[in-house]
Amino acid sequence: TRAKLAARPVSSDPAIFLNDLMTERRAELMLEPNLWWHYTRLGIAVKFIKDKYNITMLPKYVHLPIPQRERDINPNLCSNGY
């Protein structure tokens, strides 16, 4: 109500719940810089960009590069394709 969104019916489907939750978060956190991290953490950033803006984003851009310093410290770390 506070975000001026229409009421949504209750659903036990996780996909519908997640979509409704993220729609509400976009309205509530419109000017917050951390909303993108919610999309990437949930693994829906690529789909969101495609659905909302019809832009195909390469999945590798969801990841941040592993710093070279950390890769030097731990030789088991490898590049994550960034």
C-alpha atoms as a PDB file:
ATOM      1  CA  THR A   1       0.000   0.000   0.000  1.00  0.00           C
ATOM      2  CA  ARG A   2       2.763   2.433   0.948  1.00  0.00           C
ATOM      3  CA  ALA A   3       4.475   1.861  -2.415  1.00  0.00           C
ATOM      4  CA  LYS A   4       1.192   2.558  -4.238  1.00  0.00           C
ATOM      5  CA  LEU A   5       1.103  -0.932  -5.771  1.00  0.00           C
ATOM      6  CA  ALA A   6      -2.077  -2.841  -6.469  1.00  0.00           C
ATOM      7  CA  ALA A   7      -2.859  -5.643  -4.044  1.00  0.00           C
ATOM      8  CA  ARG A   8      -1.729  -9.052  -5.260  1.00  0.00           C
ATOM      9  CA  PRO A   9      -3.457 -12.355  -4.566  1.00  0.00           C
ATOM     10  CA  VAL A  10      -1.602 -14.699  -2.245  1.00  0.00           C
ATOM     11  CA  SER A  11       0.216 -17.463  -4.108  1.00  0.00           C
ATOM     12  CA  SER A  12       2.230 -20.437  -2.925  1.00  0.00           C
ATOM     13  CA  ASP A  13       4.128 -20.550  -6.240  1.00  0.00           C
ATOM     14  CA  PRO A  14       7.736 -19.468  -5.504  1.00  0.00           C
ATOM     15  CA  ALA A  15       8.186 -17.866  -8.945  1.00  0.00           C
ATOM     16  CA  ILE A  16       5.091 -15.692  -8.541  1.00  0.00           C
ATOM     17  CA  PHE A  17       6.102 -14.747  -4.997  1.00  0.00           C
ATOM     18  CA  LEU A  18       9.623 -13.790  -6.105  1.00  0.00           C
ATOM     19  CA  ASN A  19       8.297 -11.716  -9.000  1.00  0.00           C
ATOM     20  CA  ASP A  20       5.852  -9.900  -6.706  1.00  0.00           C
ATOM     21  CA  LEU A  21       8.536  -9.378  -4.070  1.00  0.00           C
ATOM     22  CA  MET A  22      11.017  -7.897  -6.533  1.00  0.00           C
ATOM     23  CA  THR A  23       8.331  -5.670  -8.069  1.00  0.00           C
ATOM     24  CA  GLU A  24       7.580  -4.343  -4.595  1.00  0.00           C
ATOM     25  CA  ARG A  25      11.278  -3.881  -3.812  1.00  0.00           C
ATOM     26  CA  ARG A  26      11.760  -1.916  -7.049  1.00  0.00           C
ATOM     27  CA  ALA A  27       8.979   0.461  -5.988  1.00  0.00           C
ATOM     28  CA  GLU A  28      10.209   0.738  -2.393  1.00  0.00           C
ATOM     29  CA  LEU A  29      13.945   0.993  -3.177  1.00  0.00           C
ATOM     30  CA  MET A  30      13.736   2.928  -6.425  1.00  0.00           C
ATOM     31  CA  LEU A  31      16.640   5.247  -5.659  1.00  0.00           C
ATOM     32  CA  GLU A  32      18.675   2.801  -3.616  1.00  0.00           C
ATOM     33  CA  PRO A  33      21.923   1.673  -5.260  1.00  0.00           C
ATOM     34  CA  ASN A  34      21.791  -1.867  -3.847  1.00  0.00           C
ATOM     35  CA  LEU A  35      18.751  -3.160  -5.753  1.00  0.00           C
ATOM     36  CA  TRP A  36      20.954  -4.580  -8.522  1.00  0.00           C
ATOM     37  CA  TRP A  37      22.697  -6.815  -5.961  1.00  0.00           C
ATOM     38  CA  HIS A  38      19.360  -8.354  -5.035  1.00  0.00           C
ATOM     39  CA  TYR A  39      18.802  -9.332  -8.664  1.00  0.00           C
ATOM     40  CA  THR A  40      22.290 -10.777  -9.074  1.00  0.00           C
ATOM     41  CA  ARG A  41      22.211 -12.625  -5.743  1.00  0.00           C
ATOM     42  CA  LEU A  42      18.902 -14.241  -6.685  1.00  0.00           C
ATOM     43  CA  GLY A  43      20.231 -15.197 -10.118  1.00  0.00           C
ATOM     44  CA  ILE A  44      17.541 -13.302 -12.023  1.00  0.00           C
ATOM     45  CA  ALA A  45      19.492 -10.265 -13.237  1.00  0.00           C
ATOM     46  CA  VAL A  46      19.919 -11.497 -16.834  1.00  0.00           C
ATOM     47  CA  LYS A  47      16.226 -12.419 -17.092  1.00  0.00           C
ATOM     48  CA  PHE A  48      15.164  -9.095 -15.536  1.00  0.00           C
ATOM     49  CA  ILE A  49      17.188  -7.054 -18.060  1.00  0.00           C
ATOM     50  CA  LYS A  50      15.786  -9.116 -20.955  1.00  0.00           C
ATOM     51  CA  ASP A  51      12.167  -8.982 -19.778  1.00  0.00           C
ATOM     52  CA  LYS A  52      12.067  -5.309 -18.776  1.00  0.00           C
ATOM     53  CA  TYR A  53      14.376  -3.705 -21.350  1.00  0.00           C
ATOM     54  CA  ASN A  54      14.714  -6.357 -24.099  1.00  0.00           C
ATOM     55  CA  ILE A  55      18.504  -6.247 -23.731  1.00  0.00           C
ATOM     56  CA  THR A  56      20.478  -9.450 -23.878  1.00  0.00           C
ATOM     57  CA  MET A  57      23.081  -9.357 -21.148  1.00  0.00           C
ATOM     58  CA  LEU A  58      25.880 -11.874 -21.058  1.00  0.00           C
ATOM     59  CA  PRO A  59      25.706 -13.903 -17.845  1.00  0.00           C
ATOM     60  CA  LYS A  60      29.400 -13.267 -17.171  1.00  0.00           C
ATOM     61  CA  TYR A  61      28.601  -9.607 -16.414  1.00  0.00           C
ATOM     62  CA  VAL A  62      26.718 -10.667 -13.316  1.00  0.00           C
ATOM     63  CA  HIS A  63      30.029 -11.644 -11.697  1.00  0.00           C
ATOM     64  CA  LEU A  64      32.638  -9.308 -10.353  1.00  0.00           C
ATOM     65  CA  PRO A  65      36.270 -10.078 -11.116  1.00  0.00           C
ATOM     66  CA  ILE A  66      38.298 -11.871  -8.471  1.00  0.00           C
ATOM     67  CA  PRO A  67      41.053  -9.449  -7.457  1.00  0.00           C
ATOM     68  CA  GLN A  68      44.509 -10.431  -8.641  1.00  0.00           C
ATOM     69  CA  ARG A  69      45.838  -9.993  -5.105  1.00  0.00           C
ATOM     70  CA  GLU A  70      43.435 -12.693  -3.872  1.00  0.00           C
ATOM     71  CA  ARG A  71      44.397 -14.953  -6.778  1.00  0.00           C
ATOM     72  CA  ASP A  72      48.064 -14.466  -5.893  1.00  0.00           C
ATOM     73  CA  ILE A  73      47.409 -15.430  -2.264  1.00  0.00           C
ATOM     74  CA  ASN A  74      45.339 -18.492  -3.138  1.00  0.00           C
ATOM     75  CA  PRO A  75      46.594 -20.365  -6.219  1.00  0.00           C
ATOM     76  CA  ASN A  76      43.415 -22.487  -6.220  1.00  0.00           C
ATOM     77  CA  LEU A  77      41.385 -19.453  -7.319  1.00  0.00           C
ATOM     78  CA  CYS A  78      41.057 -18.967 -11.021  1.00  0.00           C
ATOM     79  CA  SER A  79      39.545 -16.263 -13.173  1.00  0.00           C
ATOM     80  CA  ASN A  80      35.758 -16.322 -13.115  1.00  0.00           C
ATOM     81  CA  GLY A  81      35.492 -15.353 -16.787  1.00  0.00           C
ATOM     82  CA  TYR A  82      35.178 -11.652 -16.162  1.00  0.00           C
END
